[in-house]
Amino acid sequence: QLQASGGGSVQAGDSLRLSCAGSGSSFSIYAVGWFRQAPGKEREFVATVTSSGDSTYYAGSVKGRFTISRDNAKNTVFLQMNSLKAEDTAVYYCARNRYGGRLDDLPHYYDYWGQGTLVTVSS
């Protein structure tokens, strides 16, 4: 299971760090991704990290502002979000990739999803 947390309401230009806590001893063998869904829009890819944490991949809209990382000793994946913009407002979901070494931006590669955490950015 995955549990996302850390969302909140901030001003444009502020920062937030989201956390995705996983359960089970096998958490560290899977890649993990973050997706988001804004009101009235489809779910979109944000970032992903491999099981070891040594490779990452970002959507163009967040590259240079967001950083994904993981601490496998704590079964947690983080999404550090800096320079937030109003268009970053969305519910953010973390998800487990069924493959460990892949960097996928399509939802169908992910088999377990957290419940989502809301990020609201005011301009």
N, C-alpha and C. Protein backbone atom coordinates (compact mmCIF):
# COMPACT_ATOMS: atom_id res chain seq x y z
N GLN A 1 0.84 -1.20 0.00
CA GLN A 1 0.00 0.00 0.00
C GLN A 1 0.87 1.24 0.00
N LEU A 2 0.32 2.33 -0.55
CA LEU A 2 1.03 3.59 -0.62
C LEU A 2 0.20 4.68 0.05
N GLN A 3 0.86 5.55 0.77
CA GLN A 3 0.18 6.63 1.48
C GLN A 3 0.88 7.94 1.14
N ALA A 4 0.18 8.81 0.41
CA ALA A 4 0.73 10.11 0.05
C ALA A 4 0.34 11.15 1.08
N SER A 5 1.26 12.06 1.36
CA SER A 5 0.99 13.12 2.32
C SER A 5 1.84 14.34 1.99
N GLY A 6 1.55 15.44 2.67
CA GLY A 6 2.37 16.63 2.52
C GLY A 6 1.73 17.75 1.71
N GLY A 7 0.55 17.52 1.17
CA GLY A 7 -0.11 18.57 0.41
C GLY A 7 -0.57 19.71 1.28
N GLY A 8 -0.99 20.78 0.65
CA GLY A 8 -1.46 21.93 1.39
C GLY A 8 -1.73 23.09 0.46
N SER A 9 -2.03 24.23 1.06
CA SER A 9 -2.30 25.45 0.31
C SER A 9 -1.14 26.42 0.48
N VAL A 10 -0.56 26.84 -0.62
CA VAL A 10 0.59 27.74 -0.59
C VAL A 10 0.42 28.85 -1.62
N GLN A 11 1.32 29.82 -1.56
CA GLN A 11 1.35 30.90 -2.54
C GLN A 11 2.29 30.54 -3.68
N ALA A 12 2.05 31.14 -4.82
CA ALA A 12 2.96 30.94 -5.95
C ALA A 12 4.38 31.32 -5.54
N GLY A 13 5.33 30.50 -5.94
CA GLY A 13 6.72 30.72 -5.59
C GLY A 13 7.17 29.95 -4.35
N ASP A 14 6.22 29.44 -3.58
CA ASP A 14 6.55 28.67 -2.38
C ASP A 14 6.98 27.26 -2.74
N SER A 15 7.33 26.52 -1.69
CA SER A 15 7.76 25.12 -1.85
C SER A 15 6.92 24.20 -0.98
N LEU A 16 6.85 22.95 -1.40
CA LEU A 16 6.21 21.89 -0.63
C LEU A 16 6.99 20.60 -0.87
N ARG A 17 6.98 19.72 0.11
CA ARG A 17 7.56 18.40 -0.08
C ARG A 17 6.50 17.36 0.19
N LEU A 18 6.22 16.57 -0.81
CA LEU A 18 5.28 15.47 -0.67
C LEU A 18 6.04 14.20 -0.31
N SER A 19 5.37 13.34 0.45
CA SER A 19 5.94 12.05 0.82
C SER A 19 5.01 10.94 0.39
N CYS A 20 5.59 9.83 0.02
CA CYS A 20 4.83 8.64 -0.34
C CYS A 20 5.42 7.48 0.47
N ALA A 21 4.67 7.05 1.46
CA ALA A 21 5.14 5.98 2.33
C ALA A 21 4.61 4.63 1.84
N GLY A 22 5.50 3.70 1.66
CA GLY A 22 5.10 2.37 1.22
C GLY A 22 5.19 1.37 2.35
N SER A 23 4.42 0.32 2.25
CA SER A 23 4.46 -0.74 3.25
C SER A 23 5.01 -2.01 2.63
N GLY A 24 5.58 -2.84 3.46
CA GLY A 24 6.10 -4.11 2.97
C GLY A 24 7.59 -4.07 2.68
N SER A 25 8.21 -5.21 2.80
CA SER A 25 9.66 -5.32 2.64
C SER A 25 10.10 -5.20 1.20
N SER A 26 9.17 -5.31 0.25
CA SER A 26 9.55 -5.29 -1.16
C SER A 26 9.46 -3.91 -1.80
N PHE A 27 9.16 -2.90 -1.01
CA PHE A 27 9.00 -1.54 -1.55
C PHE A 27 10.21 -1.11 -2.35
N SER A 28 11.38 -1.47 -1.89
CA SER A 28 12.62 -0.98 -2.51
C SER A 28 12.92 -1.60 -3.86
N ILE A 29 12.18 -2.60 -4.30
CA ILE A 29 12.48 -3.23 -5.58
C ILE A 29 11.64 -2.65 -6.72
N TYR A 30 10.78 -1.70 -6.41
CA TYR A 30 9.90 -1.12 -7.43
C TYR A 30 10.24 0.33 -7.70
N ALA A 31 10.11 0.72 -8.94
CA ALA A 31 10.15 2.15 -9.27
C ALA A 31 8.85 2.78 -8.77
N VAL A 32 8.91 4.06 -8.51
CA VAL A 32 7.74 4.80 -8.01
C VAL A 32 7.58 6.08 -8.82
N GLY A 33 6.36 6.42 -9.10
CA GLY A 33 6.09 7.65 -9.84
C GLY A 33 5.09 8.53 -9.13
N TRP A 34 5.13 9.80 -9.51
CA TRP A 34 4.12 10.77 -9.06
C TRP A 34 3.32 11.22 -10.28
N PHE A 35 2.03 11.28 -10.10
CA PHE A 35 1.12 11.80 -11.11
C PHE A 35 0.26 12.86 -10.43
N ARG A 36 -0.42 13.66 -11.24
CA ARG A 36 -1.33 14.65 -10.67
C ARG A 36 -2.56 14.78 -11.55
N GLN A 37 -3.62 15.21 -10.92
CA GLN A 37 -4.86 15.43 -11.66
C GLN A 37 -5.51 16.72 -11.19
N ALA A 38 -5.61 17.65 -12.10
CA ALA A 38 -6.25 18.93 -11.81
C ALA A 38 -7.74 18.81 -12.10
N PRO A 39 -8.56 19.67 -11.49
CA PRO A 39 -10.01 19.61 -11.72
C PRO A 39 -10.36 19.71 -13.20
N GLY A 40 -11.14 18.75 -13.66
CA GLY A 40 -11.58 18.77 -15.05
C GLY A 40 -10.56 18.31 -16.06
N LYS A 41 -9.41 17.84 -15.57
CA LYS A 41 -8.36 17.39 -16.49
C LYS A 41 -8.02 15.93 -16.24
N GLU A 42 -7.34 15.34 -17.19
CA GLU A 42 -6.90 13.96 -17.04
C GLU A 42 -5.66 13.89 -16.14
N ARG A 43 -5.46 12.72 -15.60
CA ARG A 43 -4.29 12.50 -14.78
C ARG A 43 -3.04 12.60 -15.65
N GLU A 44 -2.02 13.28 -15.15
CA GLU A 44 -0.80 13.46 -15.93
C GLU A 44 0.42 13.08 -15.11
N PHE A 45 1.42 12.63 -15.82
CA PHE A 45 2.68 12.23 -15.22
C PHE A 45 3.44 13.44 -14.71
N VAL A 46 4.12 13.26 -13.56
CA VAL A 46 4.94 14.32 -12.99
C VAL A 46 6.42 13.91 -12.95
N ALA A 47 6.70 12.79 -12.28
CA ALA A 47 8.10 12.36 -12.12
C ALA A 47 8.14 10.91 -11.71
N THR A 48 9.28 10.27 -11.94
CA THR A 48 9.46 8.90 -11.50
C THR A 48 10.91 8.64 -11.14
N VAL A 49 11.12 7.65 -10.28
CA VAL A 49 12.45 7.29 -9.83
C VAL A 49 12.57 5.76 -9.84
N THR A 50 13.74 5.27 -10.23
CA THR A 50 13.94 3.82 -10.24
C THR A 50 14.03 3.26 -8.82
N SER A 51 14.04 1.95 -8.73
CA SER A 51 14.03 1.30 -7.42
C SER A 51 15.25 1.69 -6.58
N SER A 52 16.39 1.85 -7.23
CA SER A 52 17.60 2.18 -6.49
C SER A 52 17.72 3.67 -6.20
N GLY A 53 16.96 4.45 -6.92
CA GLY A 53 17.02 5.90 -6.75
C GLY A 53 18.08 6.57 -7.60
N ASP A 54 18.77 5.82 -8.45
CA ASP A 54 19.88 6.41 -9.18
C ASP A 54 19.46 7.05 -10.50
N SER A 55 18.23 6.84 -10.91
CA SER A 55 17.75 7.45 -12.15
C SER A 55 16.38 8.05 -11.95
N THR A 56 16.16 9.20 -12.57
CA THR A 56 14.89 9.90 -12.45
C THR A 56 14.47 10.42 -13.83
N TYR A 57 13.18 10.74 -13.92
CA TYR A 57 12.64 11.29 -15.17
C TYR A 57 11.49 12.21 -14.81
N TYR A 58 11.42 13.38 -15.49
CA TYR A 58 10.44 14.39 -15.15
C TYR A 58 9.62 14.81 -16.37
N ALA A 59 8.42 15.25 -16.09
CA ALA A 59 7.63 15.91 -17.12
C ALA A 59 8.27 17.26 -17.40
N GLY A 60 8.15 17.70 -18.63
CA GLY A 60 8.77 18.96 -19.00
C GLY A 60 8.26 20.14 -18.20
N SER A 61 7.00 20.07 -17.78
CA SER A 61 6.38 21.20 -17.06
C SER A 61 6.95 21.39 -15.65
N VAL A 62 7.61 20.36 -15.12
CA VAL A 62 8.12 20.46 -13.74
C VAL A 62 9.65 20.34 -13.68
N LYS A 63 10.27 19.98 -14.78
CA LYS A 63 11.71 19.78 -14.77
C LYS A 63 12.43 21.06 -14.37
N GLY A 64 13.35 20.92 -13.45
CA GLY A 64 14.08 22.06 -12.94
C GLY A 64 13.45 22.69 -11.71
N ARG A 65 12.20 22.36 -11.44
CA ARG A 65 11.50 22.88 -10.26
C ARG A 65 11.22 21.78 -9.24
N PHE A 66 10.93 20.58 -9.71
CA PHE A 66 10.60 19.45 -8.82
C PHE A 66 11.76 18.47 -8.79
N THR A 67 11.93 17.82 -7.65
CA THR A 67 12.95 16.79 -7.49
C THR A 67 12.34 15.58 -6.80
N ILE A 68 12.48 14.42 -7.43
CA ILE A 68 12.01 13.18 -6.83
C ILE A 68 13.20 12.44 -6.25
N SER A 69 13.00 11.84 -5.09
CA SER A 69 14.06 11.08 -4.44
C SER A 69 13.40 10.00 -3.58
N ARG A 70 14.22 9.10 -3.07
CA ARG A 70 13.66 8.06 -2.22
C ARG A 70 14.65 7.67 -1.13
N ASP A 71 14.09 7.17 -0.04
CA ASP A 71 14.87 6.64 1.07
C ASP A 71 14.33 5.24 1.31
N ASN A 72 14.99 4.25 0.75
CA ASN A 72 14.48 2.88 0.85
C ASN A 72 14.55 2.33 2.27
N ALA A 73 15.44 2.86 3.08
CA ALA A 73 15.50 2.42 4.48
C ALA A 73 14.22 2.81 5.22
N LYS A 74 13.56 3.87 4.73
CA LYS A 74 12.33 4.34 5.36
C LYS A 74 11.10 4.05 4.49
N ASN A 75 11.31 3.30 3.39
CA ASN A 75 10.19 2.98 2.48
C ASN A 75 9.42 4.23 2.06
N THR A 76 10.15 5.27 1.72
CA THR A 76 9.50 6.54 1.39
C THR A 76 10.10 7.15 0.13
N VAL A 77 9.22 7.70 -0.69
CA VAL A 77 9.60 8.47 -1.87
C VAL A 77 9.13 9.90 -1.65
N PHE A 78 9.98 10.86 -2.03
CA PHE A 78 9.69 12.27 -1.82
C PHE A 78 9.53 12.99 -3.16
N LEU A 79 8.74 14.04 -3.14
CA LEU A 79 8.67 14.95 -4.28
C LEU A 79 8.83 16.36 -3.72
N GLN A 80 10.01 16.91 -3.91
CA GLN A 80 10.28 18.28 -3.51
C GLN A 80 9.82 19.22 -4.62
N MET A 81 8.92 20.11 -4.31
CA MET A 81 8.34 21.01 -5.31
C MET A 81 8.71 22.44 -4.95
N ASN A 82 9.49 23.07 -5.79
CA ASN A 82 9.91 24.45 -5.60
C ASN A 82 9.30 25.34 -6.67
N SER A 83 9.32 26.63 -6.41
CA SER A 83 8.80 27.61 -7.37
C SER A 83 7.42 27.21 -7.89
N LEU A 84 6.55 26.91 -6.97
CA LEU A 84 5.23 26.43 -7.36
C LEU A 84 4.45 27.50 -8.11
N LYS A 85 3.65 27.02 -9.06
CA LYS A 85 2.82 27.89 -9.88
C LYS A 85 1.36 27.51 -9.69
N ALA A 86 0.48 28.42 -10.05
CA ALA A 86 -0.96 28.14 -9.92
C ALA A 86 -1.34 26.90 -10.72
N GLU A 87 -0.68 26.69 -11.85
CA GLU A 87 -1.00 25.52 -12.69
C GLU A 87 -0.51 24.21 -12.11
N ASP A 88 0.21 24.25 -11.00
CA ASP A 88 0.59 23.02 -10.30
C ASP A 88 -0.52 22.54 -9.37
N THR A 89 -1.57 23.32 -9.23
CA THR A 89 -2.70 22.92 -8.39
C THR A 89 -3.33 21.64 -8.91
N ALA A 90 -3.40 20.64 -8.03
CA ALA A 90 -3.91 19.33 -8.42
C ALA A 90 -3.90 18.40 -7.21
N VAL A 91 -4.54 17.27 -7.37
CA VAL A 91 -4.36 16.17 -6.43
C VAL A 91 -3.18 15.35 -6.93
N TYR A 92 -2.22 15.13 -6.06
CA TYR A 92 -1.00 14.40 -6.42
C TYR A 92 -1.09 12.97 -5.89
N TYR A 93 -0.77 12.04 -6.78
CA TYR A 93 -0.83 10.62 -6.45
C TYR A 93 0.56 9.99 -6.64
N CYS A 94 0.93 9.12 -5.72
CA CYS A 94 2.11 8.31 -5.95
C CYS A 94 1.64 6.91 -6.36
N ALA A 95 2.47 6.24 -7.11
CA ALA A 95 2.10 4.94 -7.64
C ALA A 95 3.33 4.05 -7.79
N ARG A 96 3.12 2.76 -7.65
CA ARG A 96 4.20 1.81 -7.77
C ARG A 96 4.25 1.23 -9.17
N ASN A 97 5.42 1.33 -9.78
CA ASN A 97 5.63 0.71 -11.08
C ASN A 97 5.85 -0.78 -10.89
N ARG A 98 5.21 -1.58 -11.72
CA ARG A 98 5.37 -3.03 -11.58
C ARG A 98 6.78 -3.48 -11.96
N TYR A 99 7.57 -2.57 -12.53
CA TYR A 99 8.96 -2.87 -12.87
C TYR A 99 9.90 -1.99 -12.05
N GLY A 100 11.04 -2.52 -11.70
CA GLY A 100 11.93 -1.80 -10.82
C GLY A 100 12.84 -0.80 -11.51
N GLY A 101 13.31 -1.17 -12.70
CA GLY A 101 14.31 -0.34 -13.33
C GLY A 101 13.82 0.57 -14.42
N ARG A 102 12.52 0.64 -14.62
CA ARG A 102 11.98 1.43 -15.71
C ARG A 102 11.59 2.84 -15.25
N LEU A 103 11.64 3.76 -16.16
CA LEU A 103 11.19 5.14 -15.93
C LEU A 103 10.03 5.38 -16.88
N ASP A 104 8.83 5.11 -16.43
CA ASP A 104 7.65 5.16 -17.29
C ASP A 104 6.78 6.35 -16.94
N ASP A 105 6.21 6.95 -17.98
CA ASP A 105 5.32 8.09 -17.76
C ASP A 105 3.87 7.76 -18.09
N LEU A 106 3.57 6.49 -18.34
CA LEU A 106 2.21 6.10 -18.64
C LEU A 106 1.59 5.36 -17.46
N PRO A 107 0.37 5.71 -17.09
CA PRO A 107 -0.25 5.12 -15.90
C PRO A 107 -0.38 3.61 -15.92
N HIS A 108 -0.50 3.00 -17.10
CA HIS A 108 -0.78 1.56 -17.12
C HIS A 108 0.41 0.72 -16.69
N TYR A 109 1.59 1.34 -16.52
CA TYR A 109 2.73 0.61 -15.98
C TYR A 109 2.68 0.54 -14.45
N TYR A 110 1.78 1.26 -13.83
CA TYR A 110 1.71 1.37 -12.38
C TYR A 110 0.53 0.57 -11.85
N ASP A 111 0.80 -0.29 -10.86
CA ASP A 111 -0.25 -1.20 -10.43
C ASP A 111 -0.84 -0.87 -9.07
N TYR A 112 -0.16 -0.11 -8.25
CA TYR A 112 -0.73 0.30 -6.96
C TYR A 112 -0.63 1.81 -6.85
N TRP A 113 -1.73 2.42 -6.37
CA TRP A 113 -1.81 3.87 -6.28
C TRP A 113 -2.17 4.29 -4.87
N GLY A 114 -1.55 5.39 -4.42
CA GLY A 114 -1.93 5.98 -3.15
C GLY A 114 -3.24 6.74 -3.30
N GLN A 115 -3.71 7.29 -2.19
CA GLN A 115 -5.03 7.93 -2.19
C GLN A 115 -5.01 9.37 -2.67
N GLY A 116 -3.86 9.97 -2.82
CA GLY A 116 -3.77 11.34 -3.29
C GLY A 116 -3.69 12.37 -2.18
N THR A 117 -2.98 13.44 -2.46
CA THR A 117 -2.89 14.57 -1.53
C THR A 117 -3.05 15.85 -2.33
N LEU A 118 -3.84 16.78 -1.82
CA LEU A 118 -4.21 17.98 -2.57
C LEU A 118 -3.17 19.08 -2.39
N VAL A 119 -2.74 19.64 -3.51
CA VAL A 119 -1.86 20.80 -3.52
C VAL A 119 -2.60 21.95 -4.19
N THR A 120 -2.72 23.06 -3.48
CA THR A 120 -3.39 24.24 -4.00
C THR A 120 -2.40 25.40 -3.98
N VAL A 121 -2.17 25.98 -5.15
CA VAL A 121 -1.23 27.09 -5.26
C VAL A 121 -2.00 28.33 -5.70
N SER A 122 -1.94 29.35 -4.89
CA SER A 122 -2.64 30.59 -5.19
C SER A 122 -1.67 31.60 -5.81
N SER A 123 -2.15 32.27 -6.84
CA SER A 123 -1.30 33.25 -7.52
C SER A 123 -1.47 34.64 -6.92
